Amino acid sequence: MFVILWEFEVKPECQERFERVYNPHGDWVRLFLRDPRFRGSQLLRDPSRTHFYFTLDFWDSESAYQDFRSAHRASYEELDRATETFSLKERCIGSFTISL
């Protein structure tokens, strides 16, 4: 399984909207569900830094994720632009291959 870990510092006034879009039933997951190799997403809130969130996106493989990005590039970029105003900072911490 392939996992991508993102960190977000969310603007205080945008936390509710951010949580709605990034939760396991939100807009990002609905986009990712266009590919049957997407396995799910988790949204975590840092309890010691209340404006910091992490997302974990699970895919069958790195190639599944890359194929999805290529096939749905326009939709991905559109949603990314629509949600970039929610956060002060966004960074990909890393991507990992894990065994379950």
Protein backbone atom coordinates (compact mmCIF):
# COMPACT_ATOMS: atom_id res chain seq x y z
CA MET A 1 0.00 0.00 0.00
CA PHE A 2 1.16 3.53 -0.78
CA VAL A 3 0.49 6.41 1.65
CA ILE A 4 0.92 10.15 1.15
CA LEU A 5 1.20 12.33 4.27
CA TRP A 6 0.38 16.05 4.11
CA GLU A 7 0.60 18.74 6.79
CA PHE A 8 -1.59 21.88 6.78
CA GLU A 9 -1.55 24.97 8.94
CA VAL A 10 -5.15 26.10 8.59
CA LYS A 11 -6.39 29.65 9.02
CA PRO A 12 -8.53 29.83 12.18
CA GLU A 13 -11.51 31.20 10.25
CA CYS A 14 -11.29 28.35 7.72
CA GLN A 15 -11.10 25.33 10.02
CA GLU A 16 -14.73 24.29 9.61
CA ARG A 17 -14.59 24.51 5.80
CA PHE A 18 -11.22 22.75 5.76
CA GLU A 19 -12.58 19.86 7.83
CA ARG A 20 -15.63 19.57 5.57
CA VAL A 21 -13.52 19.35 2.39
CA TYR A 22 -10.72 17.13 3.75
CA ASN A 23 -12.69 14.70 5.91
CA PRO A 24 -13.10 11.05 4.79
CA HIS A 25 -16.38 11.97 3.04
CA GLY A 26 -15.28 15.35 1.69
CA ASP A 27 -14.51 16.73 -1.74
CA TRP A 28 -11.01 15.30 -1.96
CA VAL A 29 -12.16 11.78 -1.20
CA ARG A 30 -15.02 12.08 -3.69
CA LEU A 31 -12.47 13.04 -6.32
CA PHE A 32 -10.11 10.19 -5.40
CA LEU A 33 -12.99 7.67 -5.49
CA ARG A 34 -13.01 8.02 -9.28
CA ASP A 35 -10.18 5.49 -9.16
CA PRO A 36 -10.90 2.00 -7.77
CA ARG A 37 -7.31 1.76 -6.50
CA PHE A 38 -7.89 4.52 -3.93
CA ARG A 39 -8.23 2.94 -0.47
CA GLY A 40 -9.23 5.82 1.77
CA SER A 41 -8.15 8.95 3.56
CA GLN A 42 -7.76 10.06 7.16
CA LEU A 43 -7.86 13.57 8.57
CA LEU A 44 -5.98 14.15 11.83
CA ARG A 45 -5.94 17.30 13.95
CA ASP A 46 -2.87 18.02 16.06
CA PRO A 47 -4.10 18.38 19.68
CA SER A 48 -1.12 20.51 20.72
CA ARG A 49 -1.29 22.84 17.70
CA THR A 50 -5.00 23.25 17.04
CA HIS A 51 -4.62 24.86 13.61
CA PHE A 52 -2.46 22.01 12.28
CA TYR A 53 -3.92 19.05 10.43
CA PHE A 54 -2.53 16.01 8.68
CA THR A 55 -4.04 13.96 5.90
CA LEU A 56 -3.11 10.44 4.94
CA ASP A 57 -4.22 9.20 1.53
CA PHE A 58 -4.03 5.47 0.87
CA TRP A 59 -3.57 3.95 -2.60
CA ASP A 60 -2.86 0.45 -3.85
CA SER A 61 0.53 1.61 -5.14
CA GLU A 62 2.52 4.66 -6.12
CA SER A 63 1.75 3.97 -9.78
CA ALA A 64 -1.99 3.93 -8.98
CA TYR A 65 -1.65 7.39 -7.46
CA GLN A 66 0.45 8.69 -10.35
CA ASP A 67 -2.01 7.23 -12.90
CA PHE A 68 -4.87 8.95 -11.06
CA ARG A 69 -3.03 12.29 -11.05
CA SER A 70 -2.43 12.02 -14.80
CA ALA A 71 -5.97 10.95 -15.63
CA HIS A 72 -7.65 13.58 -13.42
CA ARG A 73 -5.12 16.39 -13.59
CA ALA A 74 -7.59 19.18 -14.39
CA SER A 75 -10.04 18.18 -11.63
CA TYR A 76 -7.21 17.79 -9.11
CA GLU A 77 -5.76 21.21 -9.93
CA GLU A 78 -9.19 22.85 -9.83
CA LEU A 79 -9.95 21.48 -6.35
CA ASP A 80 -6.43 22.35 -5.19
CA ARG A 81 -6.91 25.98 -6.27
CA ALA A 82 -10.35 26.13 -4.63
CA THR A 83 -8.97 24.94 -1.27
CA GLU A 84 -5.55 26.58 -1.15
CA THR A 85 -6.98 29.68 0.57
CA PHE A 86 -7.92 27.60 3.63
CA SER A 87 -4.34 27.22 4.82
CA LEU A 88 -1.34 29.35 5.64
CA LYS A 89 1.05 26.51 4.86
CA GLU A 90 0.76 23.17 3.12
CA ARG A 91 3.49 20.65 2.67
CA CYS A 92 3.88 17.08 1.63
CA ILE A 93 5.79 15.42 4.45
CA GLY A 94 6.40 12.31 2.40
CA SER A 95 5.08 9.25 0.70
CA PHE A 96 5.59 5.74 1.96
CA THR A 97 5.09 2.15 0.93
CA ILE A 98 3.72 0.11 3.82
CA SER A 99 2.86 -3.52 4.38
CA LEU A 100 -0.39 -4.39 6.10
